Structures are given as C-alpha cells and as structure tokens.
Protein backbone atom coordinates (compact mmCIF):
# COMPACT_ATOMS: atom_id res chain seq x y z
CA UNK A 1 -7.03 -228.03 -135.26
CA UNK A 2 -8.87 -228.79 -138.56
CA UNK A 3 -8.18 -229.07 -142.26
CA UNK A 4 -8.37 -226.13 -143.88
CA UNK A 5 -8.51 -224.36 -140.95
CA UNK A 6 -5.09 -221.09 -140.13
CA UNK A 7 -4.64 -219.48 -137.62
CA UNK A 8 -3.08 -215.70 -136.97
CA UNK A 9 -2.71 -213.42 -134.54
CA UNK A 10 -5.19 -211.07 -134.74
CA UNK A 11 -3.79 -207.23 -134.55
CA UNK A 12 -5.57 -204.57 -132.65
CA UNK A 13 -6.36 -201.51 -133.78
CA UNK A 14 -9.69 -200.74 -132.25
CA UNK A 15 -10.64 -200.41 -128.88
CA UNK A 16 -14.19 -199.50 -127.06
CA UNK A 17 -13.74 -197.48 -123.99
CA UNK A 18 -15.76 -195.92 -121.33
CA UNK A 19 -15.30 -191.58 -121.36
CA UNK A 20 -16.52 -189.92 -118.59
CA UNK A 21 -17.60 -186.01 -119.65
CA UNK A 22 -18.11 -183.59 -117.14
CA UNK A 23 -19.99 -179.96 -117.26
CA UNK A 24 -21.57 -181.24 -119.74
CA UNK A 25 -24.09 -178.54 -120.79
CA UNK A 26 -27.42 -179.74 -120.03
CA UNK A 27 -29.00 -179.69 -123.56
CA UNK A 28 -25.74 -181.36 -124.20
CA UNK A 29 -28.22 -184.58 -122.31
CA UNK A 30 -29.87 -185.98 -125.18
CA UNK A 31 -28.84 -189.43 -127.46
CA UNK A 32 -27.62 -186.40 -130.21
CA UNK A 33 -26.00 -184.24 -128.23
CA UNK A 34 -23.77 -186.86 -126.50
CA UNK A 35 -23.18 -188.26 -129.98
CA UNK A 36 -22.07 -184.85 -131.22
CA UNK A 37 -19.58 -184.28 -127.70
CA UNK A 38 -18.45 -188.07 -128.29
CA UNK A 39 -17.65 -188.22 -131.58
CA UNK A 40 -14.57 -185.62 -130.94
CA UNK A 41 -13.13 -188.70 -128.74
CA UNK A 42 -14.37 -191.55 -130.96
CA UNK A 43 -16.51 -193.15 -132.37
CA UNK A 44 -19.41 -193.41 -130.49
CA UNK A 45 -21.14 -196.94 -129.13
CA UNK A 46 -23.89 -195.56 -126.65
CA UNK A 47 -24.55 -194.38 -123.16
CA UNK A 48 -24.47 -195.87 -120.11
CA UNK A 49 -28.47 -196.69 -118.30
CA UNK A 50 -27.93 -193.75 -115.90
CA UNK A 51 -26.44 -191.17 -118.42
CA UNK A 52 -29.69 -192.37 -120.73
CA UNK A 53 -32.07 -191.76 -117.48
CA UNK A 54 -30.23 -188.23 -116.28
CA UNK A 55 -29.78 -190.07 -112.75
CA UNK A 56 -26.48 -188.79 -112.20
CA UNK A 57 -25.92 -185.13 -113.16
CA UNK A 58 -22.29 -184.44 -112.44
CA UNK A 59 -20.49 -186.63 -115.88
CA UNK A 60 -22.70 -188.41 -118.83
CA UNK A 61 -21.00 -191.66 -119.47
CA UNK A 62 -20.95 -192.99 -122.88
CA UNK A 63 -18.84 -196.05 -124.56
CA UNK A 64 -16.48 -194.56 -128.10
CA UNK A 65 -14.82 -196.72 -130.21
CA UNK A 66 -11.03 -195.83 -130.30
CA UNK A 67 -8.45 -195.83 -133.24
CA UNK A 68 -4.38 -196.49 -132.59
CA UNK A 69 -3.92 -193.32 -133.98
CA UNK A 70 -6.61 -191.78 -132.01
CA UNK A 71 -5.69 -188.53 -130.17
CA UNK A 72 -6.68 -188.52 -126.71
CA UNK A 73 -8.09 -184.99 -125.57
CA UNK A 74 -7.92 -184.33 -122.06
CA UNK A 75 -11.15 -182.14 -122.10
CA UNK A 76 -13.28 -180.55 -125.55
CA UNK A 77 -14.46 -177.02 -126.20
CA UNK A 78 -18.53 -177.31 -126.52
CA UNK A 79 -20.73 -173.89 -127.28
CA UNK A 80 -23.41 -173.74 -124.76
CA UNK A 81 -26.35 -171.07 -126.17
CA UNK A 82 -27.69 -168.38 -123.54
CA UNK A 83 -31.28 -167.87 -124.03
CA UNK A 84 -31.33 -164.59 -122.58
CA UNK A 85 -28.71 -163.07 -124.52
CA UNK A 86 -29.01 -164.70 -127.90
CA UNK A 87 -25.16 -165.37 -128.51
CA UNK A 88 -22.95 -168.72 -127.26
CA UNK A 89 -19.93 -169.11 -124.72
CA UNK A 90 -17.69 -171.59 -125.03
CA UNK A 91 -18.12 -174.29 -122.43
CA UNK A 92 -14.79 -176.97 -121.02
CA UNK A 93 -15.91 -180.07 -121.24
CA UNK A 94 -13.76 -182.87 -119.07
CA UNK A 95 -13.04 -185.73 -120.37
CA UNK A 96 -11.68 -188.81 -118.11
CA UNK A 97 -10.79 -192.32 -119.95
CA UNK A 98 -11.99 -195.59 -117.31
CA UNK A 99 -9.45 -197.61 -118.47
CA UNK A 100 -6.85 -196.89 -121.87
CA UNK A 101 -5.20 -200.11 -123.41
CA UNK A 102 -1.13 -200.35 -124.08
CA UNK A 103 -0.02 -198.29 -127.06
CA UNK A 104 2.93 -200.36 -129.64
CA UNK A 105 4.60 -197.45 -131.38
CA UNK A 106 7.07 -200.83 -133.23
CA UNK A 107 3.34 -202.78 -134.72
CA UNK A 108 0.69 -199.69 -133.89
CA UNK A 109 -1.49 -201.97 -132.81
CA UNK A 110 -2.95 -202.14 -129.00
CA UNK A 111 -3.00 -204.62 -126.06
CA UNK A 112 0.93 -204.35 -125.65
CA UNK A 113 4.04 -201.96 -125.08
CA UNK A 114 6.97 -202.04 -127.44
CA UNK A 115 8.88 -204.13 -125.06
CA UNK A 116 6.62 -206.86 -124.97
CA UNK A 117 5.84 -206.75 -129.12
CA UNK A 118 5.78 -210.44 -130.32
CA UNK A 119 7.48 -208.56 -133.87
CA UNK A 120 10.55 -207.43 -131.36
CA UNK A 121 10.70 -211.04 -129.55
CA UNK A 122 13.86 -213.08 -130.41
CA UNK A 123 14.23 -216.49 -129.07
CA UNK A 124 15.73 -216.86 -125.21
CA UNK A 125 19.57 -218.09 -125.34
CA UNK A 126 20.56 -219.77 -122.81
CA UNK A 127 23.86 -218.21 -121.65
CA UNK A 128 26.08 -220.96 -119.31
CA UNK A 129 28.02 -218.65 -116.93
CA UNK A 130 31.04 -220.42 -114.82
CA UNK A 131 32.31 -218.37 -111.92
CA UNK A 132 35.43 -218.69 -109.54
CA UNK A 133 36.24 -217.83 -106.86
CA UNK A 134 37.84 -218.24 -103.16
CA UNK A 135 37.11 -219.82 -100.68
CA UNK A 136 38.16 -219.26 -97.10
CA UNK A 137 39.70 -222.22 -94.88
CA UNK A 138 37.77 -220.96 -91.72
CA UNK A 139 36.02 -218.24 -90.00
CA UNK A 140 35.31 -217.62 -86.12
CA UNK A 141 31.65 -215.96 -85.53
CA UNK A 142 32.77 -213.17 -82.81
CA UNK A 143 31.19 -210.38 -81.39
CA UNK A 144 32.85 -206.87 -80.12
CA UNK A 145 34.79 -205.25 -82.14
CA UNK A 146 38.53 -205.15 -84.49
CA UNK A 147 40.22 -204.35 -86.68
CA UNK A 148 41.66 -206.25 -89.72
CA UNK A 149 44.36 -205.33 -92.55
CA UNK A 150 43.44 -206.77 -95.61
CA UNK A 151 46.43 -206.19 -97.25
CA UNK A 152 48.18 -208.16 -94.21
CA UNK A 153 49.02 -212.01 -94.86
CA UNK A 154 46.88 -214.84 -92.79
CA UNK A 155 45.72 -215.04 -88.81
CA UNK A 156 47.26 -212.20 -87.85
CA UNK A 157 45.82 -209.62 -89.80
CA UNK A 158 43.62 -208.97 -87.68
CA UNK A 159 44.43 -207.38 -84.09
CA UNK A 160 42.75 -209.50 -81.77
CA UNK A 161 40.05 -208.92 -78.83
CA UNK A 162 41.07 -209.01 -75.38
CA UNK A 163 39.22 -212.21 -74.45
CA UNK A 164 38.70 -213.63 -77.74
CA UNK A 165 40.41 -216.45 -79.66
CA UNK A 166 39.37 -215.21 -83.00
CA UNK A 167 40.65 -215.80 -86.39
CA UNK A 168 40.70 -214.31 -90.01
CA UNK A 169 39.68 -215.64 -92.57
CA UNK A 170 42.70 -216.59 -94.64
CA UNK A 171 42.66 -217.89 -98.11
CA UNK A 172 44.05 -220.22 -100.03
CA UNK A 173 45.66 -219.81 -102.94
CA UNK A 174 43.75 -222.17 -104.99
CA UNK A 175 40.53 -221.61 -106.99
CA UNK A 176 37.70 -223.91 -106.25
CA UNK A 177 34.37 -224.18 -109.15
CA UNK A 178 30.76 -223.27 -107.59
CA UNK A 179 29.42 -223.04 -104.58
CA UNK A 180 31.61 -221.67 -101.86
CA UNK A 181 30.32 -223.17 -98.75
CA UNK A 182 31.72 -220.91 -95.72
CA UNK A 183 32.64 -222.96 -91.53
CA UNK A 184 33.61 -221.66 -88.55
CA UNK A 185 36.39 -223.13 -86.80
CA UNK A 186 38.59 -222.19 -83.46
CA UNK A 187 41.90 -221.93 -82.30
C-alpha cells in the first residue's frame, strides 16, 4: 500500500437495476414518457436499444437507480387519454425487476443480508468438545430377525435365531475417549 493511502469499506446505498414496464400505453413509448413513468420507481438512467427503437412492444426495458430506502412498487397507475372522448383513463402498468440486491436492515446498505452484515460479524472462536462413548466388545453381523432386550445383561439379552450363532453387542463399563471402532466377533 502506498504511503498516504488508506483503505475503507464503501457502504453501497444506491444500485442501478433494470426494470420491465408491461402494459405501457403507446404515448409513453418516448424518452420523456419512459422517464416520467420510471421516475415513479427510482431515478431513470437510460432505456435499452430495443425499447428505444420500438422493436419489442410487449414491455419497455428501463434502467433506474434505486436507493436503499426506495419503495419497490409492483405496478404504477398512468393516465392514458382517450382522444375521441376527450378524457383520460387510468391504466395499470406492471413492473418486473430483473434483479434486486440484498438489503441489510441493520446497516442500511445494499449487497448483503442482515445475517452476513460485516458490522455484526464476531471473530470465530474455536470450542474444543470432548465426547465420551462406550465401545462394544463384539458384534457379529447376522441375517434374519431376532429380538433384543436392552434392559437384560450381556450376550444372553438377544434371542438366538435358529441355526445362526449370534452375539449381541456387549458393553464394557469403561469409557473410552475419541472414536469408537466396532469389530465383529463369532462365538
């Protein structure tokens, strides 16, 4: 880092966002008309070339600058004149946001949610946990069905299946620290 230079984190409170304006009356398909409608969302910046050239008429695409505190309306009402009757009628213009940034309600900035706010981050602390488990003396893999009484003592706690020699896990009274290895044993 150069001498005299200091680094600081910039707080983002404004962001450009593309919006689509659907059901827009034709008299608003001008630079001034789109600017007037888009100003109901944020600060109008520019329209895309396809909108400017009127090559796609199902929606107008406009880039607006949104502030952190901007309301995000889902629609706007514009007045559209009916020339034959000499009056205006309200038309609902639907708004689609192509992308919206995350908003942090803690630091009032854009780009992250509250759960990722750098102002709330605490240094991670390592916690050492010791787990003690009993390890079985022996286990034999079996096939078939048998019943096991956990309240009974030792290998006799399990019912013997016909023709198959089995042992039930038996537990030593000792505790061992760390991982437990399970082994198979036969009678």
